[in-house]
Protein backbone atom coordinates (compact mmCIF):
# COMPACT_ATOMS: atom_id res chain seq x y z
CA MET A 1 -8.73 8.77 -56.97
CA ALA A 2 -8.81 12.56 -56.69
CA ASN A 3 -10.26 12.97 -60.19
CA SER A 4 -13.20 10.67 -59.39
CA ASN A 5 -14.32 13.08 -56.67
CA ARG A 6 -13.75 16.20 -58.74
CA LEU A 7 -16.85 18.25 -59.49
CA TYR A 8 -17.49 19.17 -63.13
CA ARG A 9 -20.12 21.87 -63.52
CA ASN A 10 -21.38 23.60 -66.66
CA PHE A 11 -24.13 26.19 -66.96
CA VAL A 12 -26.12 26.62 -70.16
CA ILE A 13 -28.08 29.80 -70.57
CA LEU A 14 -31.48 29.21 -72.23
CA GLN A 15 -32.82 31.91 -74.52
CA GLU A 16 -36.16 32.32 -76.22
CA ASP A 17 -36.15 30.51 -79.58
CA GLU A 18 -39.87 30.41 -80.38
CA ARG A 19 -42.16 33.35 -79.64
CA GLY A 20 -45.69 33.11 -78.28
CA TYR A 21 -45.04 31.02 -75.17
CA ALA A 22 -44.41 33.76 -72.60
CA ASN A 23 -46.74 33.93 -69.61
CA SER A 24 -46.45 37.72 -69.53
CA GLU A 25 -45.32 39.85 -72.47
CA ASP A 26 -43.70 42.50 -70.26
CA LYS A 27 -41.37 39.97 -68.62
CA THR A 28 -38.37 38.11 -69.97
CA LEU A 29 -38.77 34.48 -71.01
CA SER A 30 -35.54 32.90 -69.78
CA GLY A 31 -33.95 29.99 -68.00
CA TYR A 32 -30.84 27.93 -67.55
CA SER A 33 -29.68 24.35 -67.22
CA LYS A 34 -26.88 22.99 -65.08
CA ILE A 35 -24.83 19.86 -65.77
CA GLU A 36 -22.94 18.55 -62.72
CA ALA A 37 -20.80 15.41 -62.60
CA ARG A 38 -18.96 13.94 -59.63
CA GLY A 39 -17.67 10.39 -59.40
CA ASP A 40 -19.96 8.21 -61.50
CA ARG A 41 -23.08 10.36 -61.05
CA CYS A 42 -24.36 13.19 -63.23
CA LYS A 43 -27.17 15.65 -62.40
CA ILE A 44 -28.90 17.66 -65.10
CA SER A 45 -31.08 20.49 -63.78
CA PHE A 46 -33.47 22.78 -65.65
CA TYR A 47 -34.94 26.08 -64.48
CA ALA A 48 -37.21 28.39 -66.46
CA GLN A 49 -39.44 31.36 -65.76
CA ASN A 50 -42.34 33.17 -67.45
CA LEU A 51 -43.46 30.10 -69.43
CA ARG A 52 -47.14 29.96 -70.33
CA LYS A 53 -48.88 26.96 -68.79
CA ASP A 54 -51.36 25.09 -71.01
CA ASN A 55 -52.55 21.55 -71.75
CA ASP A 56 -49.42 20.54 -73.68
CA GLU A 57 -46.47 19.62 -71.48
CA TYR A 58 -42.98 21.03 -71.80
CA CYS A 59 -40.07 18.58 -72.17
CA MET A 60 -36.42 18.76 -71.13
CA MET A 61 -33.97 18.04 -73.95
CA VAL A 62 -30.21 17.52 -74.16
CA ILE A 63 -28.58 18.17 -77.53
CA CYS A 64 -25.57 16.14 -78.75
CA CYS A 65 -23.66 17.79 -81.60
CA LYS A 66 -20.41 15.82 -81.60
CA LYS A 67 -19.02 14.24 -84.79
CA ASP A 68 -19.82 10.73 -83.62
CA MET A 69 -23.09 11.65 -81.91
CA LYS A 70 -25.78 13.88 -83.43
CA GLN A 71 -29.09 13.42 -81.67
CA ILE A 72 -31.48 14.98 -79.15
CA VAL A 73 -32.51 13.12 -76.01
CA ASN A 74 -35.91 13.80 -74.44
CA LEU A 75 -35.37 13.49 -70.67
CA GLY A 76 -39.06 13.86 -69.86
CA PRO A 77 -41.55 16.56 -68.84
CA ILE A 78 -40.91 19.61 -66.66
CA ALA A 79 -43.84 20.84 -64.55
CA ILE A 80 -44.78 24.53 -64.89
CA SER A 81 -46.39 26.46 -62.03
CA GLU A 82 -49.24 28.97 -62.38
CA SER A 83 -46.69 31.80 -62.22
CA GLY A 84 -44.80 30.32 -65.17
CA LYS A 85 -41.82 28.79 -63.38
CA GLY A 86 -40.40 25.34 -64.01
CA ASP A 87 -37.77 23.47 -62.02
CA SER A 88 -36.64 19.85 -62.40
CA THR A 89 -33.53 17.67 -61.95
CA LYS A 90 -32.60 14.31 -63.47
CA GLU A 91 -29.80 12.07 -62.21
CA TYR A 92 -27.93 9.42 -64.23
CA ASN A 93 -24.72 7.49 -64.42
CA ILE A 94 -22.15 9.68 -66.19
CA ALA A 95 -21.77 7.10 -68.97
CA ASN A 96 -25.47 6.31 -69.30
CA ILE A 97 -27.40 9.56 -69.72
CA GLY A 98 -31.05 8.81 -70.38
CA GLY A 99 -30.33 5.07 -70.21
CA LEU A 100 -28.87 5.28 -73.72
CA ASP A 101 -25.18 4.60 -72.98
CA LEU A 102 -24.56 8.28 -73.65
CA HIS A 103 -21.59 9.86 -71.83
CA PHE A 104 -22.23 13.26 -70.26
CA ASP A 105 -19.34 14.91 -72.15
CA LYS A 106 -21.23 14.32 -75.41
CA ILE A 107 -23.79 16.96 -74.39
CA SER A 108 -23.35 20.22 -76.33
CA GLY A 109 -26.54 22.02 -75.37
CA THR A 110 -29.96 21.86 -73.73
CA ALA A 111 -33.49 22.95 -74.56
CA ILE A 112 -37.06 23.12 -73.29
CA ALA A 113 -39.51 22.12 -76.00
CA LYS A 114 -43.13 21.21 -76.73
CA MET A 115 -44.10 18.23 -78.86
CA LYS A 116 -46.80 19.15 -81.41
CA GLU A 117 -48.02 16.02 -83.22
CA GLY A 118 -44.58 14.46 -82.92
CA ILE A 119 -42.78 17.59 -84.12
CA PRO A 120 -40.66 19.46 -81.55
CA VAL A 121 -41.13 23.18 -80.98
CA PHE A 122 -38.03 24.50 -79.21
CA VAL A 123 -39.23 27.27 -76.89
CA LEU A 124 -35.92 27.81 -75.09
CA CYS A 125 -32.46 26.55 -76.04
CA GLY A 126 -28.80 27.17 -75.34
CA PHE A 127 -25.34 25.72 -75.87
CA LEU A 128 -22.16 25.35 -73.82
CA ASN A 129 -20.12 28.57 -73.99
CA GLY A 130 -22.84 29.99 -76.28
CA GLN A 131 -21.40 28.13 -79.29
CA GLN A 132 -24.28 26.99 -81.48
CA PRO A 133 -23.51 24.24 -84.06
CA SER A 134 -23.20 25.25 -87.70
CA ASP A 135 -25.55 22.54 -88.99
CA ASN A 136 -29.33 22.44 -88.45
CA TRP A 137 -29.46 20.70 -85.08
CA LYS A 138 -33.26 20.96 -84.92
CA ASN A 139 -33.45 18.18 -87.53
CA TYR A 140 -31.54 15.71 -85.37
CA THR A 141 -33.28 12.48 -84.41
CA ILE A 142 -35.11 12.72 -81.07
CA VAL A 143 -34.69 9.75 -78.75
CA LYS A 144 -36.70 9.23 -75.56
CA ALA A 145 -34.87 8.53 -72.32
CA ALA A 146 -35.38 5.01 -70.95
CA ASP A 147 -36.89 4.17 -67.55
CA LEU A 148 -33.77 3.59 -65.48
CA LYS A 149 -35.27 2.68 -62.10
CA ASN A 150 -35.05 -1.13 -62.44
CA LYS A 151 -31.82 -1.06 -64.42
CA TYR A 152 -30.15 1.17 -61.90
CA VAL A 153 -31.13 -1.05 -58.97
CA ASP A 154 -29.64 -4.10 -60.77
CA LYS A 155 -26.45 -2.20 -61.49
CA LEU A 156 -26.16 -1.13 -57.87
CA ASN A 157 -26.57 -4.74 -56.70
CA ASP A 158 -23.90 -5.92 -59.13
CA LYS A 159 -21.62 -3.12 -58.05
CA ASP A 160 -22.14 -3.89 -54.35
CA SER A 161 -21.34 -7.60 -54.84
CA LYS A 162 -18.16 -6.73 -56.72
CA LYS A 163 -17.19 -4.31 -53.97
CA GLU A 164 -17.68 -7.01 -51.31
CA PHE A 165 -15.45 -9.40 -53.29
CA LYS A 166 -12.77 -6.75 -53.65
CA LYS A 167 -12.95 -5.88 -49.94
CA ILE A 168 -12.26 -9.52 -48.95
CA GLU A 169 -9.49 -9.94 -51.51
CA LYS A 170 -7.72 -6.64 -50.80
CA LYS A 171 -8.52 -5.98 -47.16
CA SER A 172 -4.93 -5.30 -46.15
CA ASP A 173 -4.45 -2.85 -49.03
CA VAL A 174 -7.55 -0.91 -48.03
CA LYS A 175 -6.43 -0.69 -44.40
CA GLU A 176 -2.99 0.50 -45.43
CA LYS A 177 -4.52 3.11 -47.73
CA ASN A 178 -6.85 4.34 -44.99
CA LYS A 179 -3.85 4.73 -42.69
CA LYS A 180 -2.02 6.73 -45.36
CA ASP A 181 -5.05 8.97 -45.89
CA GLU A 182 -5.31 9.44 -42.11
CA CYS A 183 -1.63 10.37 -41.88
CA GLU A 184 -1.99 12.82 -44.76
CA ARG A 185 -4.95 14.47 -43.05
CA GLU A 186 -3.01 14.73 -39.80
CA ASP A 187 -0.04 16.20 -41.67
CA VAL A 188 -2.28 18.81 -43.29
CA GLU A 189 -3.82 19.71 -39.94
CA ALA A 190 -0.36 19.91 -38.37
CA VAL A 191 0.86 22.22 -41.13
CA LYS A 192 -2.20 24.44 -40.64
CA GLU A 193 -1.54 24.62 -36.89
CA VAL A 194 2.13 25.55 -37.45
CA GLU A 195 1.15 28.23 -39.95
CA THR A 196 -1.30 29.83 -37.55
CA VAL A 197 1.22 29.81 -34.69
CA GLU A 198 3.85 31.46 -36.87
CA ALA A 199 1.38 34.12 -37.91
CA VAL A 200 0.64 34.96 -34.27
CA LYS A 201 4.33 35.12 -33.42
CA GLU A 202 4.95 37.64 -36.16
CA VAL A 203 2.36 39.99 -34.73
CA GLU A 204 3.67 39.64 -31.21
CA SER A 205 7.24 40.39 -32.29
CA VAL A 206 6.15 43.73 -33.72
CA LYS A 207 4.53 44.89 -30.49
CA GLU A 208 7.25 43.82 -28.03
CA VAL A 209 10.06 46.23 -29.03
CA GLU A 210 11.02 48.29 -25.98
CA PRO A 211 14.76 47.70 -25.57
CA VAL A 212 16.25 51.15 -24.75
CA THR A 213 15.29 51.64 -21.10
CA GLU A 214 16.17 48.01 -20.30
CA VAL A 215 19.68 48.40 -21.67
CA GLU A 216 20.22 51.60 -19.70
CA GLU A 217 19.07 50.05 -16.43
CA ILE A 218 21.20 46.93 -16.84
CA ARG A 219 24.29 48.88 -17.71
CA SER A 220 23.78 51.40 -14.92
CA GLU A 221 23.55 48.48 -12.48
CA SER A 222 26.85 47.14 -13.80
CA VAL A 223 28.38 50.57 -13.27
CA GLN A 224 27.15 50.67 -9.68
CA ASN A 225 28.56 47.21 -8.99
CA GLU A 226 31.94 48.23 -10.33
CA ASN A 227 31.86 51.35 -8.18
CA ILE A 228 31.17 49.31 -5.07
CA GLU A 229 34.06 47.00 -5.83
CA VAL A 230 36.37 49.94 -6.37
CA LYS A 231 35.34 51.54 -3.04
CA ASP A 232 35.80 48.27 -1.14
CA ASN A 233 39.33 47.89 -2.50
CA ASN A 234 40.10 51.49 -1.36
CA ILE A 235 41.71 52.33 -4.66
CA GLU A 236 43.08 55.82 -4.99
CA PRO A 237 43.26 58.32 -6.56
CA ARG A 238 39.56 59.27 -6.66
CA ASP A 239 39.84 61.23 -9.93
CA GLU A 240 40.66 58.03 -11.84
CA ILE A 241 37.45 56.34 -10.61
CA VAL A 242 35.33 59.29 -11.68
CA GLU A 243 36.97 59.25 -15.07
CA VAL A 244 36.22 55.53 -15.55
CA GLU A 245 32.60 56.03 -14.41
CA ASN A 246 32.09 58.90 -16.81
CA LYS A 247 33.53 56.89 -19.65
CA ILE A 248 31.22 53.92 -19.04
CA ILE A 249 28.14 56.10 -18.59
CA GLU A 250 29.00 58.03 -21.74
CA GLU A 251 29.25 54.80 -23.72
CA THR A 252 25.87 53.58 -22.50
CA VAL A 253 24.15 56.89 -23.17
CA VAL A 254 25.69 57.67 -26.56
CA LYS A 255 26.48 54.37 -28.29
CA ALA A 256 23.58 52.09 -27.25
CA PRO A 257 20.67 54.34 -28.26
CA LYS A 258 21.97 54.79 -31.83
CA GLU A 259 21.46 51.13 -32.70
CA ASN A 260 18.19 50.69 -30.79
CA LEU A 261 16.59 53.91 -31.98
CA ARG A 262 17.15 52.91 -35.59
CA GLY A 263 15.48 49.54 -35.06
CA LYS A 264 12.68 51.09 -33.07
CA PHE A 265 12.04 53.70 -35.77
CA GLU A 266 11.85 51.04 -38.51
CA ASP A 267 9.45 48.96 -36.41
CA TYR A 268 7.37 52.06 -35.79
CA GLU A 269 7.21 52.78 -39.54
CA ASP A 270 6.18 49.18 -40.24
CA GLU A 271 3.47 49.43 -37.59
CA ILE A 272 2.11 52.63 -39.13
CA GLU A 273 2.08 51.01 -42.60
CA ALA A 274 0.37 47.88 -41.25
CA ASN A 275 -2.34 49.93 -39.53
CA LYS A 276 -2.91 52.19 -42.54
CA GLU A 277 -6.53 51.89 -43.73
CA PHE A 278 -7.04 50.67 -47.28
CA ASP A 279 -8.23 53.33 -49.74
CA PRO A 280 -10.17 51.65 -52.58
CA MET A 281 -10.04 54.80 -54.72
CA ASN A 282 -6.25 54.93 -55.05
CA GLY A 283 -4.87 51.92 -53.17
CA LYS A 284 -3.49 48.72 -54.64
CA ILE A 285 -4.57 45.30 -53.39
CA ARG A 286 -1.81 43.67 -51.36
CA GLY A 287 0.44 40.74 -52.24
CA SER A 288 0.90 38.56 -55.31
CA ILE A 289 -2.84 37.78 -55.30
CA GLY A 290 -3.52 41.49 -55.54
CA GLU A 291 -1.11 41.91 -58.45
CA TYR A 292 -2.77 39.03 -60.31
CA PHE A 293 -6.33 40.33 -59.96
CA GLU A 294 -5.33 43.96 -60.59
CA ALA A 295 -3.74 42.87 -63.89
CA ILE A 296 -6.92 41.09 -65.03
CA VAL A 297 -9.14 44.19 -64.72
CA GLU A 298 -6.75 46.48 -66.61
CA GLY A 299 -8.79 48.05 -69.39
CA PHE A 300 -12.10 47.86 -67.52
CA GLU A 301 -13.75 51.15 -66.56
CA ARG A 302 -13.33 52.07 -62.89
CA ASP A 303 -16.64 52.86 -61.19
CA TYR A 304 -15.66 55.54 -58.69
CA ASP A 305 -19.31 56.44 -58.03
CA GLY A 306 -20.06 52.82 -57.20
CA ILE A 307 -21.69 51.27 -54.17
CA ASP A 308 -20.77 53.11 -50.97
CA GLU A 309 -22.46 50.57 -48.69
CA ILE A 310 -19.74 47.97 -49.29
CA LYS A 311 -16.53 49.26 -47.64
CA TYR A 312 -13.00 48.73 -48.97
CA THR A 313 -14.24 47.66 -52.42
CA LYS A 314 -12.79 48.54 -55.82
CA TRP A 315 -15.61 48.62 -58.39
CA TYR A 316 -15.46 48.16 -62.16
CA LYS A 317 -18.21 48.67 -64.73
CA ILE A 318 -18.18 46.15 -67.60
CA PRO A 319 -20.24 47.06 -70.69
CA VAL A 320 -21.98 44.27 -72.62
CA LYS A 321 -23.33 44.88 -76.13
CA ASP A 322 -24.36 41.31 -76.96
CA LEU A 323 -23.89 37.69 -75.95
CA HIS A 324 -21.08 37.25 -78.47
CA GLU A 325 -19.01 39.82 -76.56
CA MET A 326 -19.39 37.78 -73.37
CA CYS A 327 -18.13 34.65 -75.17
CA ASN A 328 -14.95 36.32 -76.40
CA MET A 329 -12.01 34.22 -75.16
CA SER A 330 -9.19 36.31 -76.67
CA ASN A 331 -8.16 37.31 -73.13
CA TYR A 332 -8.72 34.08 -71.25
CA ASN A 333 -8.18 35.50 -67.75
CA LYS A 334 -10.75 38.24 -68.35
CA TYR A 335 -13.15 35.66 -69.79
CA THR A 336 -12.88 33.24 -66.85
CA LEU A 337 -13.07 35.90 -64.12
CA ALA A 338 -15.59 38.38 -65.52
CA TYR A 339 -17.57 37.10 -68.50
CA TYR A 340 -17.96 33.34 -68.07
CA PRO A 341 -19.61 33.51 -64.59
CA MET A 342 -22.09 36.07 -65.97
CA LEU A 343 -23.08 34.20 -69.17
CA ASN A 344 -26.05 32.70 -67.40
CA TYR A 345 -27.40 36.16 -66.50
CA TYR A 346 -27.36 37.74 -69.94
CA PRO A 347 -31.19 38.09 -70.05
CA TYR A 348 -30.92 40.38 -67.00
CA ILE A 349 -27.76 42.18 -68.11
CA LYS A 350 -28.91 43.04 -71.66
CA LYS A 351 -31.70 45.28 -70.32
CA TYR A 352 -29.11 47.65 -68.81
CA GLY A 353 -26.12 46.93 -71.04
CA TYR A 354 -23.55 46.36 -68.29
CA PHE A 355 -22.72 44.55 -65.07
CA LYS A 356 -20.36 45.31 -62.19
CA LEU A 357 -17.32 43.57 -60.77
CA GLY A 358 -16.03 44.37 -57.30
CA TYR A 359 -12.91 43.46 -55.34
CA LYS A 360 -13.91 43.33 -51.66
CA CYS A 361 -10.89 43.80 -49.37
CA ASP A 362 -10.34 44.05 -45.63
CA SER A 363 -9.14 47.26 -43.96
CA LYS A 364 -5.50 46.34 -44.71
CA GLY A 365 -6.06 45.86 -48.46
CA ASN A 366 -6.07 42.04 -48.57
CA LEU A 367 -8.55 40.63 -51.13
CA LYS A 368 -11.38 38.68 -49.46
CA HIS A 369 -14.21 38.26 -52.00
CA ILE A 370 -15.10 38.93 -55.60
CA ILE A 371 -18.50 40.62 -56.00
CA TYR A 372 -20.65 40.34 -59.12
CA GLY A 373 -23.32 43.02 -59.52
CA ILE A 374 -26.30 42.94 -61.87
CA PRO A 375 -28.26 46.19 -62.17
CA GLY A 376 -31.94 46.02 -61.31
CA LYS A 377 -34.71 47.27 -59.08
CA LYS A 378 -35.57 45.80 -55.70
CA ASP A 379 -38.20 43.67 -57.35
CA LYS A 380 -38.63 39.90 -57.66
CA ASP A 381 -38.89 40.22 -61.44
CA GLU A 382 -35.44 41.81 -61.61
CA GLN A 383 -33.74 39.58 -59.02
CA PRO A 384 -31.67 37.05 -61.01
CA TYR A 385 -33.40 33.66 -60.80
CA ASP A 386 -35.16 34.61 -57.54
CA GLY A 387 -31.83 34.57 -55.70
CA ARG A 388 -31.35 30.84 -56.21
CA THR A 389 -27.83 31.33 -57.61
CA GLY A 390 -26.55 33.70 -54.90
CA PHE A 391 -27.89 37.13 -55.89
CA VAL A 392 -29.66 37.76 -52.58
CA THR A 393 -28.23 41.17 -51.61
CA TRP A 394 -29.71 44.35 -53.07
CA VAL A 395 -28.05 47.76 -52.65
CA ASP A 396 -29.02 51.20 -53.82
CA ASP A 397 -26.73 53.17 -56.11
CA LYS A 398 -26.90 56.25 -58.33
CA GLU A 399 -28.20 54.18 -61.25
CA GLY A 400 -31.25 52.69 -59.53
CA GLY A 401 -29.92 49.70 -57.62
CA CYS A 402 -27.94 46.51 -58.02
CA TRP A 403 -28.24 42.82 -57.06
CA LEU A 404 -25.00 41.41 -55.63
CA MET A 405 -23.46 37.95 -55.36
CA PHE A 406 -20.38 37.43 -53.16
CA TYR A 407 -17.86 34.81 -54.33
CA ASP A 408 -15.14 33.27 -52.15
CA PHE A 409 -12.42 32.73 -54.77
CA LYS A 410 -10.18 30.74 -52.39
CA ASN A 411 -12.81 28.08 -51.67
CA SER A 412 -14.75 28.46 -54.96
CA THR A 413 -18.06 28.99 -53.18
CA VAL A 414 -20.84 31.56 -53.17
CA VAL A 415 -21.21 33.20 -49.76
CA VAL A 416 -24.00 35.24 -48.19
CA PRO A 417 -22.92 38.29 -46.14
CA MET A 418 -24.23 38.61 -42.58
CA GLN A 419 -25.30 42.22 -43.13
């Protein structure tokens, strides 16, 4: 049940394959496609910029290069604006892409092409993980996508009728399952509440350590009470009473503070350490999460003259010579954290030959966000995909500026900072 709701998402970077179709020669002809599948639905999105608009329409293509499936599916036209931008999304059943009973996992690449007298001219193309097939894929048979509107409505009706039948037949099972799901949600919420309460208690216990004066007052009261009892009983000699009093007072003054002072000093040291401000130049990120992410960036160049505007951030500069270098999976952790998320932005990165990776921490040194930085001027032409993918923050640096995208690694989401 969990797998059916899981989101599968793949980006395909589209690069210029045929020259002469750029709207402006001084700008990059580029684009990307996105394949998203959740449940039984699959969305295929195309985005391109700097395409020259003319009378011949551009078409969206998906390329299948598997052993049992070698063909190209024409999903239909993509409209191009006067400024040269194209944006379109198609939605299908995951097992019926283009109405051709094609499963989405058969897709190896995508392209934007023009049809010239029945012959395709591939203007932009790209493949998953940048791995182009060894054979001549441009000679594959091109199949047009079917009109799925009527078929899809019929399938929905059939599906709804089957669901109704199942609901009547298994009503009790559904109710029981809903109850279980409800209980699980309540358990999760309860666990979260307990965790937050425990966290608060830990903080309070650090601040409420003031035991020395209390001990002295209590013990001095006990001494006074004993003295009163002694006086009431008229015990003599007097020297013996004084000796007992001195002994008790000496014990409270000398013995008690030794134990309490040690504990108080340790708590004081812990408090100083906890309040110590994180130094991104020399400090290490806290906890096991910190150790994991610190290990991944070993070997990357530290950028000490990085972006001062973002506090408590450790910056790294990652050189990129070519697209092949970004597809290198020899160190899988480096690939998944640094290179793979940036594959789609190679047309912007190649102009400068590097991109930046930042670990944004809080003042205590706990990792909060991962920041990806692509160098570029504060200009729409150099903002990656007009900010549609999260690069909406521009900061100045010593190398001319940088576009930033903040990534919440715990929730796997792109976030936009308030300031």
